[in-house]
Amino acid sequence: MTDDYYFARAFDIVVGIEAGYTNPDLKVDPGGETKYGISKRAYPHLDIPRLTLDDARQIYIADYWRVCSCHLMPWPLSLFVFDCAVNQGQPTAKRLLQRALGVKVDGDIGPKTVGAAITAKRETLARFMMMRAFQYMIAPNFPPNGRGWFTRLFLVTLNV
């Protein structure tokens, strides 16, 4: 399979979870106005209501998939890291991945991290998802969002 195939698959899964346009209370979701998971907070220059699916695809491949080196990882780890980057931020995704893999945690996905990702066992993937859950639990807006976030984790794992 090609990188394009895996990105397309991951994109469909994540956008399916993210859904369409929302404009939530900032106390509940500090990202604010969001469409396809692209938030006004992260992209203040964008007209979020007019964002197209193709716009979202271009943002996701450049700012999430490639920035987190998902194109260099095997499936389903690439999906797990991509979804983490989208929902919890790219820096968090990179550091959680490195902690799960047992490599130096510096937020730089270089050859050592990629090599460890390529040889990661199922237990490592489970550890990464568990770390995501713990990261959610310490978020200040966990009470109103926790059930949805945990549902998201299970949905992502069911799509592999």
N, C-alpha and C. Protein backbone atom coordinates (compact mmCIF):
# COMPACT_ATOMS: atom_id res chain seq x y z
N MET A 1 0.83 -1.18 0.00
CA MET A 1 0.00 0.00 0.00
C MET A 1 0.88 1.25 0.00
N THR A 2 0.35 2.30 -0.54
CA THR A 2 1.11 3.54 -0.62
C THR A 2 0.74 4.48 0.52
N ASP A 3 1.61 5.48 0.72
CA ASP A 3 1.34 6.52 1.71
C ASP A 3 0.02 7.21 1.42
N ASP A 4 -0.27 7.47 0.14
CA ASP A 4 -1.52 8.12 -0.24
C ASP A 4 -2.72 7.30 0.21
N TYR A 5 -2.62 5.98 0.07
CA TYR A 5 -3.71 5.10 0.49
C TYR A 5 -3.94 5.21 2.00
N TYR A 6 -2.86 5.13 2.78
CA TYR A 6 -3.00 5.18 4.23
C TYR A 6 -3.46 6.55 4.71
N PHE A 7 -2.96 7.61 4.09
CA PHE A 7 -3.45 8.93 4.48
C PHE A 7 -4.94 9.04 4.17
N ALA A 8 -5.36 8.63 2.99
CA ALA A 8 -6.77 8.72 2.62
C ALA A 8 -7.64 7.95 3.60
N ARG A 9 -7.18 6.78 3.99
CA ARG A 9 -7.92 5.95 4.94
C ARG A 9 -8.00 6.65 6.31
N ALA A 10 -6.85 7.14 6.79
CA ALA A 10 -6.82 7.83 8.08
C ALA A 10 -7.66 9.10 8.05
N PHE A 11 -7.58 9.84 6.96
CA PHE A 11 -8.36 11.07 6.81
C PHE A 11 -9.85 10.77 6.89
N ASP A 12 -10.29 9.75 6.17
CA ASP A 12 -11.71 9.39 6.20
C ASP A 12 -12.18 9.02 7.61
N ILE A 13 -11.34 8.30 8.33
CA ILE A 13 -11.70 7.89 9.70
C ILE A 13 -11.79 9.11 10.61
N VAL A 14 -10.76 9.95 10.57
CA VAL A 14 -10.72 11.11 11.47
C VAL A 14 -11.82 12.12 11.12
N VAL A 15 -12.01 12.41 9.86
CA VAL A 15 -13.07 13.34 9.48
C VAL A 15 -14.44 12.77 9.82
N GLY A 16 -14.59 11.46 9.72
CA GLY A 16 -15.84 10.82 10.12
C GLY A 16 -16.14 11.00 11.59
N ILE A 17 -15.09 11.01 12.40
CA ILE A 17 -15.26 11.24 13.84
C ILE A 17 -15.48 12.72 14.11
N GLU A 18 -14.74 13.56 13.44
CA GLU A 18 -14.82 15.01 13.66
C GLU A 18 -16.13 15.61 13.18
N ALA A 19 -16.67 15.04 12.13
CA ALA A 19 -17.94 15.50 11.55
C ALA A 19 -17.83 16.89 10.95
N GLY A 20 -18.93 17.59 10.90
CA GLY A 20 -19.01 18.88 10.21
C GLY A 20 -18.73 20.07 11.09
N TYR A 21 -19.50 21.10 10.89
CA TYR A 21 -19.29 22.39 11.56
C TYR A 21 -19.88 22.41 12.96
N THR A 22 -19.10 22.96 13.91
CA THR A 22 -19.59 23.20 15.27
C THR A 22 -19.05 24.54 15.76
N ASN A 23 -19.77 25.14 16.66
CA ASN A 23 -19.32 26.38 17.29
C ASN A 23 -19.63 26.26 18.78
N PRO A 24 -18.81 25.47 19.49
CA PRO A 24 -19.11 25.18 20.90
C PRO A 24 -18.74 26.31 21.85
N ASP A 25 -19.24 26.20 23.05
CA ASP A 25 -18.88 27.09 24.14
C ASP A 25 -17.38 26.94 24.40
N LEU A 26 -16.65 28.04 24.48
CA LEU A 26 -15.20 27.98 24.66
C LEU A 26 -14.80 27.35 25.99
N LYS A 27 -15.70 27.34 26.98
CA LYS A 27 -15.39 26.68 28.25
C LYS A 27 -15.35 25.16 28.08
N VAL A 28 -16.10 24.67 27.14
CA VAL A 28 -16.16 23.23 26.88
C VAL A 28 -15.10 22.82 25.86
N ASP A 29 -14.93 23.63 24.84
CA ASP A 29 -13.97 23.33 23.78
C ASP A 29 -13.20 24.60 23.43
N PRO A 30 -11.97 24.72 23.93
CA PRO A 30 -11.21 25.95 23.70
C PRO A 30 -10.82 26.18 22.24
N GLY A 31 -11.00 25.16 21.38
CA GLY A 31 -10.74 25.33 19.96
C GLY A 31 -11.74 26.23 19.28
N GLY A 32 -12.93 26.31 19.90
CA GLY A 32 -13.99 27.15 19.35
C GLY A 32 -14.54 26.63 18.04
N GLU A 33 -14.88 27.56 17.19
CA GLU A 33 -15.48 27.24 15.90
C GLU A 33 -14.60 26.22 15.15
N THR A 34 -15.23 25.13 14.70
CA THR A 34 -14.50 24.02 14.10
C THR A 34 -15.29 23.41 12.95
N LYS A 35 -14.59 22.98 11.93
CA LYS A 35 -15.20 22.23 10.85
C LYS A 35 -14.20 21.16 10.41
N TYR A 36 -14.68 19.92 10.30
CA TYR A 36 -13.84 18.77 9.96
C TYR A 36 -12.64 18.63 10.90
N GLY A 37 -12.77 19.17 12.12
CA GLY A 37 -11.68 19.10 13.07
C GLY A 37 -10.67 20.22 12.97
N ILE A 38 -10.85 21.13 12.02
CA ILE A 38 -9.97 22.28 11.85
C ILE A 38 -10.57 23.43 12.67
N SER A 39 -9.82 23.91 13.65
CA SER A 39 -10.39 24.92 14.56
C SER A 39 -9.93 26.33 14.24
N LYS A 40 -10.77 27.26 14.61
CA LYS A 40 -10.46 28.69 14.46
C LYS A 40 -9.27 29.05 15.32
N ARG A 41 -9.15 28.42 16.48
CA ARG A 41 -8.03 28.71 17.37
C ARG A 41 -6.70 28.36 16.70
N ALA A 42 -6.66 27.21 16.03
CA ALA A 42 -5.43 26.78 15.37
C ALA A 42 -5.19 27.51 14.05
N TYR A 43 -6.27 27.91 13.39
CA TYR A 43 -6.18 28.56 12.07
C TYR A 43 -7.05 29.82 12.07
N PRO A 44 -6.62 30.85 12.81
CA PRO A 44 -7.45 32.05 12.94
C PRO A 44 -7.69 32.79 11.63
N HIS A 45 -6.87 32.58 10.64
CA HIS A 45 -7.01 33.26 9.35
C HIS A 45 -8.04 32.62 8.43
N LEU A 46 -8.50 31.41 8.77
CA LEU A 46 -9.44 30.69 7.91
C LEU A 46 -10.89 31.08 8.18
N ASP A 47 -11.68 31.06 7.14
CA ASP A 47 -13.13 31.21 7.25
C ASP A 47 -13.67 29.81 7.49
N ILE A 48 -13.77 29.42 8.75
CA ILE A 48 -14.10 28.04 9.11
C ILE A 48 -15.43 27.56 8.51
N PRO A 49 -16.51 28.33 8.54
CA PRO A 49 -17.75 27.83 7.95
C PRO A 49 -17.63 27.50 6.46
N ARG A 50 -16.74 28.16 5.76
CA ARG A 50 -16.60 27.93 4.31
C ARG A 50 -15.49 26.93 3.98
N LEU A 51 -14.85 26.38 4.97
CA LEU A 51 -13.80 25.39 4.76
C LEU A 51 -14.37 24.19 4.01
N THR A 52 -13.70 23.77 2.96
CA THR A 52 -14.16 22.61 2.21
C THR A 52 -13.44 21.36 2.69
N LEU A 53 -13.97 20.24 2.33
CA LEU A 53 -13.33 18.97 2.67
C LEU A 53 -11.94 18.89 2.05
N ASP A 54 -11.78 19.39 0.84
CA ASP A 54 -10.47 19.39 0.21
C ASP A 54 -9.50 20.33 0.94
N ASP A 55 -9.99 21.47 1.43
CA ASP A 55 -9.14 22.36 2.25
C ASP A 55 -8.65 21.61 3.48
N ALA A 56 -9.57 20.92 4.15
CA ALA A 56 -9.21 20.16 5.35
C ALA A 56 -8.19 19.09 5.01
N ARG A 57 -8.37 18.40 3.90
CA ARG A 57 -7.43 17.35 3.47
C ARG A 57 -6.02 17.93 3.30
N GLN A 58 -5.91 19.08 2.67
CA GLN A 58 -4.60 19.70 2.43
C GLN A 58 -3.95 20.12 3.76
N ILE A 59 -4.74 20.66 4.67
CA ILE A 59 -4.22 21.04 5.99
C ILE A 59 -3.75 19.81 6.74
N TYR A 60 -4.57 18.77 6.74
CA TYR A 60 -4.23 17.56 7.48
C TYR A 60 -2.98 16.88 6.95
N ILE A 61 -2.82 16.80 5.66
CA ILE A 61 -1.63 16.11 5.14
C ILE A 61 -0.37 16.91 5.44
N ALA A 62 -0.44 18.23 5.30
CA ALA A 62 0.76 19.06 5.50
C ALA A 62 1.07 19.30 6.98
N ASP A 63 0.06 19.62 7.77
CA ASP A 63 0.29 20.07 9.14
C ASP A 63 0.17 18.99 10.21
N TYR A 64 -0.33 17.84 9.84
CA TYR A 64 -0.51 16.77 10.83
C TYR A 64 0.17 15.47 10.38
N TRP A 65 -0.25 14.93 9.24
CA TRP A 65 0.27 13.64 8.75
C TRP A 65 1.78 13.72 8.56
N ARG A 66 2.24 14.68 7.80
CA ARG A 66 3.68 14.78 7.50
C ARG A 66 4.47 15.36 8.66
N VAL A 67 3.93 16.36 9.35
CA VAL A 67 4.63 16.96 10.48
C VAL A 67 4.93 15.92 11.55
N CYS A 68 4.04 14.97 11.73
CA CYS A 68 4.24 13.90 12.72
C CYS A 68 4.89 12.65 12.12
N SER A 69 5.30 12.73 10.87
CA SER A 69 5.98 11.62 10.17
C SER A 69 5.13 10.37 10.06
N CYS A 70 3.82 10.53 10.04
CA CYS A 70 2.92 9.37 9.91
C CYS A 70 3.18 8.63 8.61
N HIS A 71 3.62 9.34 7.59
CA HIS A 71 3.89 8.71 6.29
C HIS A 71 5.06 7.72 6.35
N LEU A 72 5.81 7.75 7.45
CA LEU A 72 6.94 6.84 7.61
C LEU A 72 6.64 5.68 8.56
N MET A 73 5.43 5.66 9.11
CA MET A 73 5.05 4.65 10.10
C MET A 73 4.11 3.61 9.51
N PRO A 74 4.12 2.42 10.09
CA PRO A 74 3.19 1.39 9.63
C PRO A 74 1.77 1.68 10.13
N TRP A 75 0.82 1.11 9.42
CA TRP A 75 -0.58 1.13 9.84
C TRP A 75 -0.74 0.07 10.92
N PRO A 76 -1.44 0.27 11.99
CA PRO A 76 -2.33 1.37 12.34
C PRO A 76 -1.67 2.45 13.20
N LEU A 77 -0.37 2.30 13.51
CA LEU A 77 0.27 3.33 14.33
C LEU A 77 0.18 4.69 13.67
N SER A 78 0.31 4.74 12.35
CA SER A 78 0.19 6.02 11.65
C SER A 78 -1.18 6.66 11.90
N LEU A 79 -2.22 5.86 11.89
CA LEU A 79 -3.57 6.36 12.19
C LEU A 79 -3.65 6.88 13.62
N PHE A 80 -3.13 6.13 14.57
CA PHE A 80 -3.22 6.51 15.98
C PHE A 80 -2.49 7.83 16.24
N VAL A 81 -1.31 7.98 15.65
CA VAL A 81 -0.53 9.21 15.85
C VAL A 81 -1.22 10.39 15.15
N PHE A 82 -1.72 10.15 13.95
CA PHE A 82 -2.44 11.20 13.21
C PHE A 82 -3.65 11.68 14.00
N ASP A 83 -4.47 10.75 14.48
CA ASP A 83 -5.65 11.14 15.23
C ASP A 83 -5.27 11.89 16.50
N CYS A 84 -4.22 11.46 17.16
CA CYS A 84 -3.74 12.16 18.35
C CYS A 84 -3.33 13.59 18.00
N ALA A 85 -2.60 13.75 16.91
CA ALA A 85 -2.15 15.07 16.49
C ALA A 85 -3.34 15.99 16.22
N VAL A 86 -4.34 15.45 15.56
CA VAL A 86 -5.52 16.24 15.23
C VAL A 86 -6.29 16.64 16.49
N ASN A 87 -6.47 15.71 17.40
CA ASN A 87 -7.32 15.97 18.55
C ASN A 87 -6.59 16.50 19.78
N GLN A 88 -5.31 16.15 19.92
CA GLN A 88 -4.58 16.53 21.11
C GLN A 88 -3.37 17.43 20.81
N GLY A 89 -3.11 17.66 19.54
CA GLY A 89 -2.01 18.53 19.14
C GLY A 89 -0.79 17.76 18.68
N GLN A 90 -0.10 18.32 17.70
CA GLN A 90 1.08 17.67 17.15
C GLN A 90 2.19 17.46 18.19
N PRO A 91 2.50 18.47 19.02
CA PRO A 91 3.55 18.24 20.02
C PRO A 91 3.22 17.09 20.97
N THR A 92 1.98 17.02 21.40
CA THR A 92 1.56 15.94 22.29
C THR A 92 1.67 14.59 21.59
N ALA A 93 1.23 14.51 20.35
CA ALA A 93 1.31 13.25 19.60
C ALA A 93 2.75 12.77 19.49
N LYS A 94 3.66 13.66 19.18
CA LYS A 94 5.07 13.28 19.01
C LYS A 94 5.66 12.78 20.32
N ARG A 95 5.40 13.48 21.39
CA ARG A 95 5.98 13.10 22.69
C ARG A 95 5.36 11.82 23.25
N LEU A 96 4.06 11.68 23.11
CA LEU A 96 3.43 10.43 23.56
C LEU A 96 3.96 9.25 22.76
N LEU A 97 4.13 9.43 21.47
CA LEU A 97 4.68 8.35 20.64
C LEU A 97 6.07 7.96 21.14
N GLN A 98 6.92 8.94 21.37
CA GLN A 98 8.27 8.64 21.82
C GLN A 98 8.28 7.96 23.18
N ARG A 99 7.42 8.40 24.08
CA ARG A 99 7.33 7.73 25.39
C ARG A 99 6.85 6.30 25.23
N ALA A 100 5.86 6.09 24.41
CA ALA A 100 5.34 4.73 24.20
C ALA A 100 6.39 3.81 23.57
N LEU A 101 7.20 4.38 22.68
CA LEU A 101 8.23 3.59 22.01
C LEU A 101 9.48 3.39 22.87
N GLY A 102 9.63 4.17 23.93
CA GLY A 102 10.80 4.04 24.80
C GLY A 102 12.05 4.67 24.20
N VAL A 103 11.87 5.70 23.38
CA VAL A 103 13.01 6.41 22.82
C VAL A 103 13.10 7.78 23.47
N LYS A 104 14.18 8.51 23.18
CA LYS A 104 14.36 9.84 23.75
C LYS A 104 13.16 10.72 23.41
N VAL A 105 12.62 11.36 24.43
CA VAL A 105 11.44 12.22 24.25
C VAL A 105 11.92 13.66 24.04
N ASP A 106 11.98 14.04 22.77
CA ASP A 106 12.41 15.39 22.42
C ASP A 106 11.45 16.07 21.45
N GLY A 107 10.39 15.37 21.04
CA GLY A 107 9.42 15.95 20.12
C GLY A 107 9.88 15.99 18.68
N ASP A 108 11.06 15.41 18.40
CA ASP A 108 11.59 15.37 17.04
C ASP A 108 11.48 13.94 16.53
N ILE A 109 10.64 13.73 15.53
CA ILE A 109 10.47 12.38 14.98
C ILE A 109 11.57 12.15 13.94
N GLY A 110 12.70 11.66 14.43
CA GLY A 110 13.84 11.39 13.57
C GLY A 110 13.98 9.90 13.30
N PRO A 111 15.14 9.49 12.78
CA PRO A 111 15.37 8.09 12.39
C PRO A 111 15.19 7.08 13.53
N LYS A 112 15.60 7.43 14.75
CA LYS A 112 15.46 6.49 15.87
C LYS A 112 13.99 6.26 16.22
N THR A 113 13.22 7.34 16.23
CA THR A 113 11.79 7.21 16.53
C THR A 113 11.10 6.43 15.42
N VAL A 114 11.40 6.75 14.18
CA VAL A 114 10.78 6.04 13.05
C VAL A 114 11.17 4.58 13.07
N GLY A 115 12.44 4.28 13.33
CA GLY A 115 12.87 2.88 13.40
C GLY A 115 12.14 2.11 14.48
N ALA A 116 11.98 2.73 15.64
CA ALA A 116 11.24 2.08 16.73
C ALA A 116 9.76 1.91 16.36
N ALA A 117 9.21 2.89 15.64
CA ALA A 117 7.81 2.81 15.21
C ALA A 117 7.61 1.65 14.24
N ILE A 118 8.55 1.47 13.35
CA ILE A 118 8.44 0.41 12.34
C ILE A 118 8.43 -0.97 12.98
N THR A 119 9.16 -1.13 14.08
CA THR A 119 9.24 -2.44 14.74
C THR A 119 8.34 -2.56 15.97
N ALA A 120 7.47 -1.58 16.18
CA ALA A 120 6.60 -1.57 17.37
C ALA A 120 5.67 -2.78 17.39
N LYS A 121 5.52 -3.33 18.57
CA LYS A 121 4.62 -4.46 18.80
C LYS A 121 3.23 -3.95 19.17
N ARG A 122 2.27 -4.85 19.18
CA ARG A 122 0.89 -4.50 19.54
C ARG A 122 0.80 -3.85 20.92
N GLU A 123 1.62 -4.34 21.86
CA GLU A 123 1.62 -3.79 23.21
C GLU A 123 2.01 -2.31 23.20
N THR A 124 2.92 -1.95 22.31
CA THR A 124 3.34 -0.56 22.20
C THR A 124 2.20 0.31 21.68
N LEU A 125 1.46 -0.20 20.71
CA LEU A 125 0.31 0.53 20.20
C LEU A 125 -0.73 0.72 21.30
N ALA A 126 -0.97 -0.34 22.08
CA ALA A 126 -1.91 -0.24 23.19
C ALA A 126 -1.42 0.76 24.23
N ARG A 127 -0.11 0.76 24.49
CA ARG A 127 0.46 1.71 25.45
C ARG A 127 0.27 3.15 24.95
N PHE A 128 0.46 3.38 23.66
CA PHE A 128 0.27 4.71 23.10
C PHE A 128 -1.18 5.18 23.32
N MET A 129 -2.13 4.31 23.04
CA MET A 129 -3.54 4.68 23.22
C MET A 129 -3.88 4.89 24.70
N MET A 130 -3.27 4.10 25.58
CA MET A 130 -3.48 4.28 27.01
C MET A 130 -2.93 5.63 27.46
N MET A 131 -1.76 6.00 26.92
CA MET A 131 -1.18 7.30 27.26
C MET A 131 -2.07 8.44 26.78
N ARG A 132 -2.70 8.25 25.63
CA ARG A 132 -3.64 9.26 25.14
C ARG A 132 -4.79 9.42 26.13
N ALA A 133 -5.29 8.29 26.62
CA ALA A 133 -6.40 8.34 27.58
C ALA A 133 -5.99 9.10 28.84
N PHE A 134 -4.81 8.81 29.36
CA PHE A 134 -4.34 9.53 30.54
C PHE A 134 -4.16 11.02 30.26
N GLN A 135 -3.69 11.36 29.07
CA GLN A 135 -3.54 12.76 28.69
C GLN A 135 -4.89 13.47 28.68
N TYR A 136 -5.90 12.79 28.19
CA TYR A 136 -7.25 13.35 28.23
C TYR A 136 -7.69 13.61 29.67
N MET A 137 -7.40 12.64 30.54
CA MET A 137 -7.89 12.72 31.91
C MET A 137 -7.33 13.91 32.69
N ILE A 138 -6.15 14.39 32.31
CA ILE A 138 -5.57 15.53 33.04
C ILE A 138 -5.94 16.87 32.40
N ALA A 139 -6.68 16.83 31.30
CA ALA A 139 -7.10 18.07 30.65
C ALA A 139 -8.16 18.77 31.52
N PRO A 140 -8.09 20.08 31.64
CA PRO A 140 -9.06 20.79 32.48
C PRO A 140 -10.50 20.65 32.01
N ASN A 141 -10.70 20.40 30.72
CA ASN A 141 -12.07 20.24 30.22
C ASN A 141 -12.45 18.77 30.03
N PHE A 142 -11.82 17.89 30.82
CA PHE A 142 -12.16 16.47 30.76
C PHE A 142 -13.60 16.19 31.19
N PRO A 143 -14.10 16.80 32.28
CA PRO A 143 -15.46 16.46 32.71
C PRO A 143 -16.52 16.57 31.60
N PRO A 144 -16.59 17.67 30.85
CA PRO A 144 -17.63 17.70 29.82
C PRO A 144 -17.29 16.93 28.54
N ASN A 145 -16.01 16.62 28.33
CA ASN A 145 -15.60 16.00 27.06
C ASN A 145 -15.09 14.57 27.16
N GLY A 146 -14.82 14.11 28.37
CA GLY A 146 -14.16 12.82 28.56
C GLY A 146 -14.84 11.63 27.90
N ARG A 147 -16.14 11.53 28.03
CA ARG A 147 -16.85 10.40 27.41
C ARG A 147 -16.69 10.41 25.89
N GLY A 148 -16.79 11.59 25.31
CA GLY A 148 -16.60 11.72 23.86
C GLY A 148 -15.18 11.38 23.44
N TRP A 149 -14.21 11.83 24.21
CA TRP A 149 -12.81 11.54 23.88
C TRP A 149 -12.52 10.04 23.99
N PHE A 150 -13.02 9.41 25.04
CA PHE A 150 -12.80 7.96 25.18
C PHE A 150 -13.51 7.20 24.06
N THR A 151 -14.71 7.63 23.72
CA THR A 151 -15.41 7.01 22.58
C THR A 151 -14.57 7.14 21.33
N ARG A 152 -13.95 8.29 21.14
CA ARG A 152 -13.09 8.52 19.98
C ARG A 152 -11.94 7.50 19.95
N LEU A 153 -11.30 7.27 21.09
CA LEU A 153 -10.20 6.30 21.13
C LEU A 153 -10.67 4.92 20.68
N PHE A 154 -11.83 4.52 21.16
CA PHE A 154 -12.34 3.20 20.77
C PHE A 154 -12.75 3.16 19.30
N LEU A 155 -13.34 4.24 18.81
CA LEU A 155 -13.70 4.29 17.39
C LEU A 155 -12.47 4.17 16.49
N VAL A 156 -11.41 4.86 16.87
CA VAL A 156 -10.18 4.80 16.09
C VAL A 156 -9.62 3.38 16.08
N THR A 157 -9.60 2.73 17.23
CA THR A 157 -9.04 1.37 17.27
C THR A 157 -9.94 0.37 16.54
N LEU A 158 -11.23 0.64 16.51
CA LEU A 158 -12.14 -0.28 15.79
C LEU A 158 -11.99 -0.17 14.27
N ASN A 159 -11.37 0.91 13.80
CA ASN A 159 -11.22 1.13 12.36
C ASN A 159 -9.94 0.54 11.78
N VAL A 160 -9.25 -0.25 12.54
CA VAL A 160 -8.03 -0.85 12.01
C VAL A 160 -8.37 -2.24 11.57
